[in-house]
Amino acid sequence: MVLTPGRAPRAASRRPGRVCGTLLLALAFAAGLAAQEPAPPAPPTDPKPVDNSDPAADPKPADKADPAADPKPGDPKVPDKAAPPAGLDPKQVADAADKGVEFLRASQNPNGSFGPGKGPGSGDGWQVGYTSLACITLIECGTPLTDPGLLRAAELVRANAAKLETTYEAALAILFLNRMNNPKRDDRIIQTLGARLIAGQSATGGWGYKVPKLDEIHGLPMPNSYTAGQPLAQLQGKQLVAHRPMFKFAQHGRSGQWMSGLLPWHHKLADDICIVRSMVTEQINHDPA
């Protein structure tokens, strides 16, 4: 069974732009976490003095607390957990987010990347991870998907998707490309990276730092996300497993065209020919395809 990506689910709606304030603060926190000194503990507050002159004023013991006195959800006196802290000026939050967006846009490299990295992975500076994280923040802050900076960044992530070997970069690339909402360009990449993430999950439910390559998925059970809704009448009762590509593919020419190892002469013509990739299918077995 050849692993053929299907359709990636899309978000039905987008969160308001001001949510980016939280993301930007999270980025700043993550970047400076290692350098921060632990904050001193807050001094304990004195409990409210109780007037013991009147026995009726004695507080009830904890084990005899009145359940009816506990605040209930929806009580106007109970603050909403999602509400911003009291006294936080929404305009200040919006202004801070705008400044963060301005900083990110000014920090983007001409090739669409963010940060000093030259490629994916620790050896090349986590270029795809930094770029994906910054672009997710820009999109959450309301940057339109037609923005030239986002389009350049998406092309860079697509070009490096096959080289990703770490869990963090693969996951961030999926999130970014999913938010770009370009299924014709990105569904295959998202599904392939998603299959590698699934294959990399440990028996205890967690992940390590590395995701397996496609060749390493060979022989593993097909994820349900690939088989759900597929016409599998001819395959009933059979164990469906993933199969590695039958032939090696590699990028060739300055344009980085992916070509099969069966076409060595075409490798030399990669920049001089037009490759049409309009014949696609989402079926996972041969007859319906």
C-alpha atoms as a PDB file:
ATOM      1  CA  MET A   1       0.000   0.000   0.000  1.00  0.00           C
ATOM      2  CA  VAL A   2       1.562   3.286  -1.107  1.00  0.00           C
ATOM      3  CA  LEU A   3       1.234   6.141   1.345  1.00  0.00           C
ATOM      4  CA  THR A   4      -0.761   8.803  -0.472  1.00  0.00           C
ATOM      5  CA  PRO A   5      -1.734  11.908   1.491  1.00  0.00           C
ATOM      6  CA  GLY A   6      -5.342  12.944   1.689  1.00  0.00           C
ATOM      7  CA  ARG A   7      -7.082  16.122   2.571  1.00  0.00           C
ATOM      8  CA  ALA A   8      -5.999  18.003   5.670  1.00  0.00           C
ATOM      9  CA  PRO A   9      -8.745  19.446   7.863  1.00  0.00           C
ATOM     10  CA  ARG A  10      -8.978  23.220   7.886  1.00  0.00           C
ATOM     11  CA  ALA A  11      -9.893  25.556  10.642  1.00  0.00           C
ATOM     12  CA  ALA A  12     -13.417  26.857  10.180  1.00  0.00           C
ATOM     13  CA  SER A  13     -12.683  30.256  11.620  1.00  0.00           C
ATOM     14  CA  ARG A  14      -9.863  32.387  12.835  1.00  0.00           C
ATOM     15  CA  ARG A  15      -9.373  33.902  16.227  1.00  0.00           C
ATOM     16  CA  PRO A  16      -9.413  37.700  16.629  1.00  0.00           C
ATOM     17  CA  GLY A  17      -6.224  39.490  15.859  1.00  0.00           C
ATOM     18  CA  ARG A  18      -5.643  40.649  19.399  1.00  0.00           C
ATOM     19  CA  VAL A  19      -4.947  37.138  20.547  1.00  0.00           C
ATOM     20  CA  CYS A  20      -1.487  37.713  19.132  1.00  0.00           C
ATOM     21  CA  GLY A  21      -0.658  39.723  22.214  1.00  0.00           C
ATOM     22  CA  THR A  22      -0.607  36.478  24.166  1.00  0.00           C
ATOM     23  CA  LEU A  23       1.498  34.764  21.519  1.00  0.00           C
ATOM     24  CA  LEU A  24       4.019  37.569  21.419  1.00  0.00           C
ATOM     25  CA  LEU A  25       4.308  37.565  25.191  1.00  0.00           C
ATOM     26  CA  ALA A  26       4.774  33.795  25.079  1.00  0.00           C
ATOM     27  CA  LEU A  27       7.564  34.173  22.540  1.00  0.00           C
ATOM     28  CA  ALA A  28       9.283  36.777  24.654  1.00  0.00           C
ATOM     29  CA  PHE A  29       8.946  34.589  27.718  1.00  0.00           C
ATOM     30  CA  ALA A  30      10.321  31.515  25.965  1.00  0.00           C
ATOM     31  CA  ALA A  31      13.282  33.451  24.581  1.00  0.00           C
ATOM     32  CA  GLY A  32      14.273  34.898  27.908  1.00  0.00           C
ATOM     33  CA  LEU A  33      13.387  32.019  30.194  1.00  0.00           C
ATOM     34  CA  ALA A  34      16.902  30.666  30.502  1.00  0.00           C
ATOM     35  CA  ALA A  35      18.328  34.057  31.357  1.00  0.00           C
ATOM     36  CA  GLN A  36      15.771  35.077  33.929  1.00  0.00           C
ATOM     37  CA  GLU A  37      16.484  34.967  37.615  1.00  0.00           C
ATOM     38  CA  PRO A  38      13.768  33.308  39.712  1.00  0.00           C
ATOM     39  CA  ALA A  39      11.426  35.946  41.080  1.00  0.00           C
ATOM     40  CA  PRO A  40      11.337  36.270  44.872  1.00  0.00           C
ATOM     41  CA  PRO A  41       8.216  34.817  46.428  1.00  0.00           C
ATOM     42  CA  ALA A  42       5.452  37.280  47.140  1.00  0.00           C
ATOM     43  CA  PRO A  43       5.175  38.227  50.816  1.00  0.00           C
ATOM     44  CA  PRO A  44       2.294  36.469  52.546  1.00  0.00           C
ATOM     45  CA  THR A  45      -0.742  38.596  53.065  1.00  0.00           C
ATOM     46  CA  ASP A  46      -2.161  38.937  56.515  1.00  0.00           C
ATOM     47  CA  PRO A  47      -5.536  37.254  56.895  1.00  0.00           C
ATOM     48  CA  LYS A  48      -8.433  39.474  57.581  1.00  0.00           C
ATOM     49  CA  PRO A  49      -8.747  39.839  61.355  1.00  0.00           C
ATOM     50  CA  VAL A  50     -11.776  38.193  62.843  1.00  0.00           C
ATOM     51  CA  ASP A  51     -13.734  39.876  65.603  1.00  0.00           C
ATOM     52  CA  ASN A  52     -13.983  37.173  68.262  1.00  0.00           C
ATOM     53  CA  SER A  53     -16.078  39.291  70.552  1.00  0.00           C
ATOM     54  CA  ASP A  54     -19.181  37.942  68.863  1.00  0.00           C
ATOM     55  CA  PRO A  55     -19.315  34.109  68.567  1.00  0.00           C
ATOM     56  CA  ALA A  56     -21.507  34.482  65.498  1.00  0.00           C
ATOM     57  CA  ALA A  57     -18.594  36.176  63.733  1.00  0.00           C
ATOM     58  CA  ASP A  58     -16.272  33.158  64.092  1.00  0.00           C
ATOM     59  CA  PRO A  59     -15.420  31.710  60.704  1.00  0.00           C
ATOM     60  CA  LYS A  60     -16.790  28.245  59.971  1.00  0.00           C
ATOM     61  CA  PRO A  61     -14.300  25.401  60.069  1.00  0.00           C
ATOM     62  CA  ALA A  62     -13.200  24.198  56.653  1.00  0.00           C
ATOM     63  CA  ASP A  63     -14.832  20.807  57.139  1.00  0.00           C
ATOM     64  CA  LYS A  64     -18.159  22.484  57.924  1.00  0.00           C
ATOM     65  CA  ALA A  65     -18.178  24.956  55.073  1.00  0.00           C
ATOM     66  CA  ASP A  66     -21.563  25.607  53.542  1.00  0.00           C
ATOM     67  CA  PRO A  67     -21.585  24.251  49.961  1.00  0.00           C
ATOM     68  CA  ALA A  68     -24.292  26.734  49.054  1.00  0.00           C
ATOM     69  CA  ALA A  69     -21.865  29.564  49.794  1.00  0.00           C
ATOM     70  CA  ASP A  70     -19.389  28.395  47.102  1.00  0.00           C
ATOM     71  CA  PRO A  71     -19.457  30.496  43.912  1.00  0.00           C
ATOM     72  CA  LYS A  72     -21.177  28.858  40.986  1.00  0.00           C
ATOM     73  CA  PRO A  73     -20.284  29.170  37.281  1.00  0.00           C
ATOM     74  CA  GLY A  74     -22.147  32.098  35.821  1.00  0.00           C
ATOM     75  CA  ASP A  75     -22.226  33.975  39.121  1.00  0.00           C
ATOM     76  CA  PRO A  76     -21.571  37.634  38.205  1.00  0.00           C
ATOM     77  CA  LYS A  77     -19.195  37.816  41.154  1.00  0.00           C
ATOM     78  CA  VAL A  78     -17.020  35.065  39.724  1.00  0.00           C
ATOM     79  CA  PRO A  79     -14.557  36.516  37.160  1.00  0.00           C
ATOM     80  CA  ASP A  80     -14.365  34.814  33.770  1.00  0.00           C
ATOM     81  CA  LYS A  81     -11.147  32.791  33.515  1.00  0.00           C
ATOM     82  CA  ALA A  82     -10.673  33.968  29.938  1.00  0.00           C
ATOM     83  CA  ALA A  83     -11.136  37.628  30.808  1.00  0.00           C
ATOM     84  CA  PRO A  84      -8.022  39.848  30.887  1.00  0.00           C
ATOM     85  CA  PRO A  85      -6.711  40.926  34.273  1.00  0.00           C
ATOM     86  CA  ALA A  86      -8.580  43.767  35.885  1.00  0.00           C
ATOM     87  CA  GLY A  87      -7.271  47.177  34.953  1.00  0.00           C
ATOM     88  CA  LEU A  88      -5.644  46.014  31.690  1.00  0.00           C
ATOM     89  CA  ASP A  89      -6.232  48.635  29.009  1.00  0.00           C
ATOM     90  CA  PRO A  90      -7.327  46.968  25.728  1.00  0.00           C
ATOM     91  CA  LYS A  91      -5.808  49.818  23.741  1.00  0.00           C
ATOM     92  CA  GLN A  92      -2.429  49.231  25.367  1.00  0.00           C
ATOM     93  CA  VAL A  93      -2.692  45.545  24.529  1.00  0.00           C
ATOM     94  CA  ALA A  94      -3.512  46.350  20.895  1.00  0.00           C
ATOM     95  CA  ASP A  95      -0.676  48.887  20.688  1.00  0.00           C
ATOM     96  CA  ALA A  96       1.797  46.363  22.127  1.00  0.00           C
ATOM     97  CA  ALA A  97       0.651  43.763  19.595  1.00  0.00           C
ATOM     98  CA  ASP A  98       1.017  46.245  16.735  1.00  0.00           C
ATOM     99  CA  LYS A  99       4.560  47.030  17.835  1.00  0.00           C
ATOM    100  CA  GLY A 100       5.332  43.315  17.990  1.00  0.00           C
ATOM    101  CA  VAL A 101       4.017  42.807  14.458  1.00  0.00           C
ATOM    102  CA  GLU A 102       6.059  45.760  13.244  1.00  0.00           C
ATOM    103  CA  PHE A 103       9.180  44.292  14.836  1.00  0.00           C
ATOM    104  CA  LEU A 104       8.608  40.862  13.297  1.00  0.00           C
ATOM    105  CA  ARG A 105       8.014  42.279   9.820  1.00  0.00           C
ATOM    106  CA  ALA A 106      11.186  44.343  10.060  1.00  0.00           C
ATOM    107  CA  SER A 107      13.134  41.265  11.219  1.00  0.00           C
ATOM    108  CA  GLN A 108      12.204  39.048   8.267  1.00  0.00           C
ATOM    109  CA  ASN A 109      15.049  38.117   5.939  1.00  0.00           C
ATOM    110  CA  PRO A 110      14.775  38.734   2.176  1.00  0.00           C
ATOM    111  CA  ASN A 111      14.289  34.996   1.493  1.00  0.00           C
ATOM    112  CA  GLY A 112      11.266  34.914   3.816  1.00  0.00           C
ATOM    113  CA  SER A 113      12.976  33.313   6.805  1.00  0.00           C
ATOM    114  CA  PHE A 114      13.317  34.590  10.366  1.00  0.00           C
ATOM    115  CA  GLY A 115      16.406  34.338  12.512  1.00  0.00           C
ATOM    116  CA  PRO A 116      20.039  33.641  11.590  1.00  0.00           C
ATOM    117  CA  GLY A 117      19.495  30.022  10.543  1.00  0.00           C
ATOM    118  CA  LYS A 118      20.472  28.689   7.136  1.00  0.00           C
ATOM    119  CA  GLY A 119      18.322  25.549   7.127  1.00  0.00           C
ATOM    120  CA  PRO A 120      16.326  23.125   9.291  1.00  0.00           C
ATOM    121  CA  GLY A 121      17.713  21.378  12.347  1.00  0.00           C
ATOM    122  CA  SER A 122      20.114  22.427  15.062  1.00  0.00           C
ATOM    123  CA  GLY A 123      23.117  22.302  12.740  1.00  0.00           C
ATOM    124  CA  ASP A 124      21.635  24.962  10.459  1.00  0.00           C
ATOM    125  CA  GLY A 125      19.960  27.129  13.083  1.00  0.00           C
ATOM    126  CA  TRP A 126      16.341  25.917  13.142  1.00  0.00           C
ATOM    127  CA  GLN A 127      15.403  28.108  10.184  1.00  0.00           C
ATOM    128  CA  VAL A 128      12.047  26.403   9.516  1.00  0.00           C
ATOM    129  CA  GLY A 129      11.056  26.412  13.179  1.00  0.00           C
ATOM    130  CA  TYR A 130      11.803  30.095  13.727  1.00  0.00           C
ATOM    131  CA  THR A 131      10.094  31.045  10.471  1.00  0.00           C
ATOM    132  CA  SER A 132       6.954  28.999  11.123  1.00  0.00           C
ATOM    133  CA  LEU A 133       6.552  30.298  14.669  1.00  0.00           C
ATOM    134  CA  ALA A 134       6.942  33.945  13.632  1.00  0.00           C
ATOM    135  CA  CYS A 135       4.492  33.543  10.737  1.00  0.00           C
ATOM    136  CA  ILE A 136       1.883  31.821  12.901  1.00  0.00           C
ATOM    137  CA  THR A 137       2.049  34.874  15.190  1.00  0.00           C
ATOM    138  CA  LEU A 138       1.671  37.277  12.257  1.00  0.00           C
ATOM    139  CA  ILE A 139      -1.383  35.396  10.983  1.00  0.00           C
ATOM    140  CA  GLU A 140      -2.956  35.342  14.447  1.00  0.00           C
ATOM    141  CA  CYS A 141      -2.415  39.094  14.593  1.00  0.00           C
ATOM    142  CA  GLY A 142      -4.475  39.590  11.440  1.00  0.00           C
ATOM    143  CA  THR A 143      -1.814  39.708   8.733  1.00  0.00           C
ATOM    144  CA  PRO A 144      -3.578  38.756   5.470  1.00  0.00           C
ATOM    145  CA  LEU A 145      -2.587  35.463   3.862  1.00  0.00           C
ATOM    146  CA  THR A 146      -1.722  37.345   0.671  1.00  0.00           C
ATOM    147  CA  ASP A 147       1.020  39.263   2.452  1.00  0.00           C
ATOM    148  CA  PRO A 148       4.253  38.957   0.409  1.00  0.00           C
ATOM    149  CA  GLY A 149       6.290  38.167   3.523  1.00  0.00           C
ATOM    150  CA  LEU A 150       4.028  35.254   4.441  1.00  0.00           C
ATOM    151  CA  LEU A 151       4.086  33.956   0.876  1.00  0.00           C
ATOM    152  CA  ARG A 152       7.905  33.997   0.799  1.00  0.00           C
ATOM    153  CA  ALA A 153       8.047  32.244   4.153  1.00  0.00           C
ATOM    154  CA  ALA A 154       5.579  29.570   3.009  1.00  0.00           C
ATOM    155  CA  GLU A 155       7.687  28.816  -0.061  1.00  0.00           C
ATOM    156  CA  LEU A 156      10.770  28.430   2.127  1.00  0.00           C
ATOM    157  CA  VAL A 157       8.985  26.030   4.485  1.00  0.00           C
ATOM    158  CA  ARG A 158       7.610  23.988   1.572  1.00  0.00           C
ATOM    159  CA  ALA A 159      11.049  23.711   0.013  1.00  0.00           C
ATOM    160  CA  ASN A 160      12.524  22.380   3.271  1.00  0.00           C
ATOM    161  CA  ALA A 161       9.642  20.171   4.412  1.00  0.00           C
ATOM    162  CA  ALA A 162      11.242  16.939   3.209  1.00  0.00           C
ATOM    163  CA  LYS A 163      14.405  17.750   5.170  1.00  0.00           C
ATOM    164  CA  LEU A 164      12.700  18.172   8.549  1.00  0.00           C
ATOM    165  CA  GLU A 165      13.839  15.621  11.110  1.00  0.00           C
ATOM    166  CA  THR A 166      12.857  17.157  14.449  1.00  0.00           C
ATOM    167  CA  THR A 167       9.477  17.004  16.149  1.00  0.00           C
ATOM    168  CA  TYR A 168       9.258  20.716  16.931  1.00  0.00           C
ATOM    169  CA  GLU A 169      10.017  21.922  13.423  1.00  0.00           C
ATOM    170  CA  ALA A 170       7.699  19.380  11.795  1.00  0.00           C
ATOM    171  CA  ALA A 171       4.831  20.344  14.112  1.00  0.00           C
ATOM    172  CA  LEU A 172       5.359  24.081  13.606  1.00  0.00           C
ATOM    173  CA  ALA A 173       5.544  23.642   9.824  1.00  0.00           C
ATOM    174  CA  ILE A 174       2.187  21.805   9.899  1.00  0.00           C
ATOM    175  CA  LEU A 175       0.571  24.585  11.943  1.00  0.00           C
ATOM    176  CA  PHE A 176       1.909  27.327   9.680  1.00  0.00           C
ATOM    177  CA  LEU A 177       1.008  25.691   6.368  1.00  0.00           C
ATOM    178  CA  ASN A 178      -2.435  24.769   7.683  1.00  0.00           C
ATOM    179  CA  ARG A 179      -3.077  28.424   8.533  1.00  0.00           C
ATOM    180  CA  MET A 180      -1.989  29.474   5.029  1.00  0.00           C
ATOM    181  CA  ASN A 181      -5.150  27.689   3.808  1.00  0.00           C
ATOM    182  CA  ASN A 182      -3.722  26.535   0.473  1.00  0.00           C
ATOM    183  CA  PRO A 183      -4.783  22.888   0.234  1.00  0.00           C
ATOM    184  CA  LYS A 184      -3.618  22.382  -3.352  1.00  0.00           C
ATOM    185  CA  ARG A 185      -0.077  23.333  -2.369  1.00  0.00           C
ATOM    186  CA  ASP A 186       0.125  22.081   1.178  1.00  0.00           C
ATOM    187  CA  ASP A 187      -2.186  19.119   1.829  1.00  0.00           C
ATOM    188  CA  ARG A 188       0.401  16.605   0.644  1.00  0.00           C
ATOM    189  CA  ILE A 189       3.115  18.184   2.802  1.00  0.00           C
ATOM    190  CA  ILE A 190       0.848  18.425   5.860  1.00  0.00           C
ATOM    191  CA  GLN A 191      -0.321  14.823   5.546  1.00  0.00           C
ATOM    192  CA  THR A 192       3.210  13.526   5.059  1.00  0.00           C
ATOM    193  CA  LEU A 193       4.568  15.398   8.072  1.00  0.00           C
ATOM    194  CA  GLY A 194       1.511  14.344  10.054  1.00  0.00           C
ATOM    195  CA  ALA A 195       2.137  10.677   9.232  1.00  0.00           C
ATOM    196  CA  ARG A 196       5.713  11.033  10.398  1.00  0.00           C
ATOM    197  CA  LEU A 197       4.554  12.603  13.664  1.00  0.00           C
ATOM    198  CA  ILE A 198       2.092   9.758  14.218  1.00  0.00           C
ATOM    199  CA  ALA A 199       4.804   7.192  13.523  1.00  0.00           C
ATOM    200  CA  GLY A 200       7.132   8.966  15.953  1.00  0.00           C
ATOM    201  CA  GLN A 201       4.750   8.795  18.906  1.00  0.00           C
ATOM    202  CA  SER A 202       5.978   6.481  21.643  1.00  0.00           C
ATOM    203  CA  ALA A 203       3.977   3.696  23.274  1.00  0.00           C
ATOM    204  CA  THR A 204       3.433   5.927  26.314  1.00  0.00           C
ATOM    205  CA  GLY A 205       1.873   8.678  24.188  1.00  0.00           C
ATOM    206  CA  GLY A 206       4.768  11.149  24.090  1.00  0.00           C
ATOM    207  CA  TRP A 207       7.301  12.193  21.484  1.00  0.00           C
ATOM    208  CA  GLY A 208      11.063  12.380  21.332  1.00  0.00           C
ATOM    209  CA  TYR A 209      13.105  15.049  19.591  1.00  0.00           C
ATOM    210  CA  LYS A 210      13.225  13.247  16.230  1.00  0.00           C
ATOM    211  CA  VAL A 211      10.516  12.169  13.793  1.00  0.00           C
ATOM    212  CA  PRO A 212      11.077   9.101  11.592  1.00  0.00           C
ATOM    213  CA  LYS A 213      11.728   9.508   7.894  1.00  0.00           C
ATOM    214  CA  LEU A 214       9.290   8.129   5.339  1.00  0.00           C
ATOM    215  CA  ASP A 215      11.432   5.055   4.752  1.00  0.00           C
ATOM    216  CA  GLU A 216      11.253   4.290   8.468  1.00  0.00           C
ATOM    217  CA  ILE A 217       7.419   4.204   8.365  1.00  0.00           C
ATOM    218  CA  HIS A 218       7.535   1.234   5.979  1.00  0.00           C
ATOM    219  CA  GLY A 219       5.483  -1.664   7.334  1.00  0.00           C
ATOM    220  CA  LEU A 220       3.686   0.324  10.043  1.00  0.00           C
ATOM    221  CA  PRO A 221      -0.144   0.309  10.187  1.00  0.00           C
ATOM    222  CA  MET A 222      -1.858   2.950   8.082  1.00  0.00           C
ATOM    223  CA  PRO A 223      -3.258   5.795  10.227  1.00  0.00           C
ATOM    224  CA  ASN A 224      -7.054   5.926  10.432  1.00  0.00           C
ATOM    225  CA  SER A 225      -6.949   9.457   9.047  1.00  0.00           C
ATOM    226  CA  TYR A 226      -5.862   7.974   5.705  1.00  0.00           C
ATOM    227  CA  THR A 227      -8.310   5.083   5.510  1.00  0.00           C
ATOM    228  CA  ALA A 228     -11.485   6.719   6.861  1.00  0.00           C
ATOM    229  CA  GLY A 229     -14.108   7.048   4.120  1.00  0.00           C
ATOM    230  CA  GLN A 230     -12.007   5.248   1.518  1.00  0.00           C
ATOM    231  CA  PRO A 231     -13.531   2.518  -0.727  1.00  0.00           C
ATOM    232  CA  LEU A 232     -11.746  -0.526   0.668  1.00  0.00           C
ATOM    233  CA  ALA A 233     -14.053  -3.345  -0.470  1.00  0.00           C
ATOM    234  CA  GLN A 234     -11.179  -5.189  -2.157  1.00  0.00           C
ATOM    235  CA  LEU A 235      -9.043  -4.893   0.963  1.00  0.00           C
ATOM    236  CA  GLN A 236     -11.507  -6.132   3.592  1.00  0.00           C
ATOM    237  CA  GLY A 237      -9.876  -8.393   6.142  1.00  0.00           C
ATOM    238  CA  LYS A 238      -6.377  -7.319   5.158  1.00  0.00           C
ATOM    239  CA  GLN A 239      -3.984  -5.428   7.366  1.00  0.00           C
ATOM    240  CA  LEU A 240      -3.274  -2.069   5.775  1.00  0.00           C
ATOM    241  CA  VAL A 241       0.324  -0.986   6.132  1.00  0.00           C
ATOM    242  CA  ALA A 242       2.339   1.892   4.733  1.00  0.00           C
ATOM    243  CA  HIS A 243       4.850   1.229   1.990  1.00  0.00           C
ATOM    244  CA  ARG A 244       7.978   3.212   1.311  1.00  0.00           C
ATOM    245  CA  PRO A 245       8.381   4.866  -2.118  1.00  0.00           C
ATOM    246  CA  MET A 246       9.456   2.293  -4.684  1.00  0.00           C
ATOM    247  CA  PHE A 247      12.010   4.672  -6.170  1.00  0.00           C
ATOM    248  CA  LYS A 248      14.222   7.381  -4.733  1.00  0.00           C
ATOM    249  CA  PHE A 249      13.313  11.017  -5.273  1.00  0.00           C
ATOM    250  CA  ALA A 250      15.655  13.983  -4.973  1.00  0.00           C
ATOM    251  CA  GLN A 251      15.729  17.688  -5.793  1.00  0.00           C
ATOM    252  CA  HIS A 252      17.564  18.806  -8.906  1.00  0.00           C
ATOM    253  CA  GLY A 253      18.531  22.089 -10.539  1.00  0.00           C
ATOM    254  CA  ARG A 254      18.451  25.550  -9.086  1.00  0.00           C
ATOM    255  CA  SER A 255      14.660  25.320  -9.065  1.00  0.00           C
ATOM    256  CA  GLY A 256      14.818  22.316  -6.725  1.00  0.00           C
ATOM    257  CA  GLN A 257      12.474  20.133  -8.785  1.00  0.00           C
ATOM    258  CA  TRP A 258      11.702  16.767  -7.203  1.00  0.00           C
ATOM    259  CA  MET A 259      12.421  13.961  -9.653  1.00  0.00           C
ATOM    260  CA  SER A 260      12.521  10.203  -9.588  1.00  0.00           C
ATOM    261  CA  GLY A 261      15.769   8.308  -9.806  1.00  0.00           C
ATOM    262  CA  LEU A 262      14.344   6.615 -12.906  1.00  0.00           C
ATOM    263  CA  LEU A 263      14.859   9.826 -14.896  1.00  0.00           C
ATOM    264  CA  PRO A 264      18.598  10.570 -14.668  1.00  0.00           C
ATOM    265  CA  TRP A 265      18.683  12.495 -17.960  1.00  0.00           C
ATOM    266  CA  HIS A 266      15.874  14.781 -16.841  1.00  0.00           C
ATOM    267  CA  HIS A 267      17.884  15.698 -13.744  1.00  0.00           C
ATOM    268  CA  LYS A 268      20.143  17.735 -16.035  1.00  0.00           C
ATOM    269  CA  LEU A 269      17.134  19.512 -17.555  1.00  0.00           C
ATOM    270  CA  ALA A 270      15.390  20.404 -14.318  1.00  0.00           C
ATOM    271  CA  ASP A 271      15.618  24.166 -14.958  1.00  0.00           C
ATOM    272  CA  ASP A 272      14.712  23.915 -18.664  1.00  0.00           C
ATOM    273  CA  ILE A 273      11.485  21.901 -18.635  1.00  0.00           C
ATOM    274  CA  CYS A 274       7.950  22.456 -17.437  1.00  0.00           C
ATOM    275  CA  ILE A 275       6.558  19.853 -15.024  1.00  0.00           C
ATOM    276  CA  VAL A 276       2.757  19.621 -14.779  1.00  0.00           C
ATOM    277  CA  ARG A 277       1.509  18.256 -11.461  1.00  0.00           C
ATOM    278  CA  SER A 278      -2.241  18.422 -12.034  1.00  0.00           C
ATOM    279  CA  MET A 279      -2.967  14.667 -11.965  1.00  0.00           C
ATOM    280  CA  VAL A 280      -3.591  13.796  -8.335  1.00  0.00           C
ATOM    281  CA  THR A 281      -5.819  11.450  -6.361  1.00  0.00           C
ATOM    282  CA  GLU A 282      -6.829  10.959  -2.762  1.00  0.00           C
ATOM    283  CA  GLN A 283      -7.576   7.250  -3.186  1.00  0.00           C
ATOM    284  CA  ILE A 284      -5.194   4.896  -1.416  1.00  0.00           C
ATOM    285  CA  ASN A 285      -5.625   1.806  -3.604  1.00  0.00           C
ATOM    286  CA  HIS A 286      -5.083   1.406  -7.324  1.00  0.00           C
ATOM    287  CA  ASP A 287      -8.474   0.541  -8.820  1.00  0.00           C
ATOM    288  CA  PRO A 288     -10.466   3.593  -7.628  1.00  0.00           C
ATOM    289  CA  ALA A 289      -7.456   5.829  -8.272  1.00  0.00           C
END
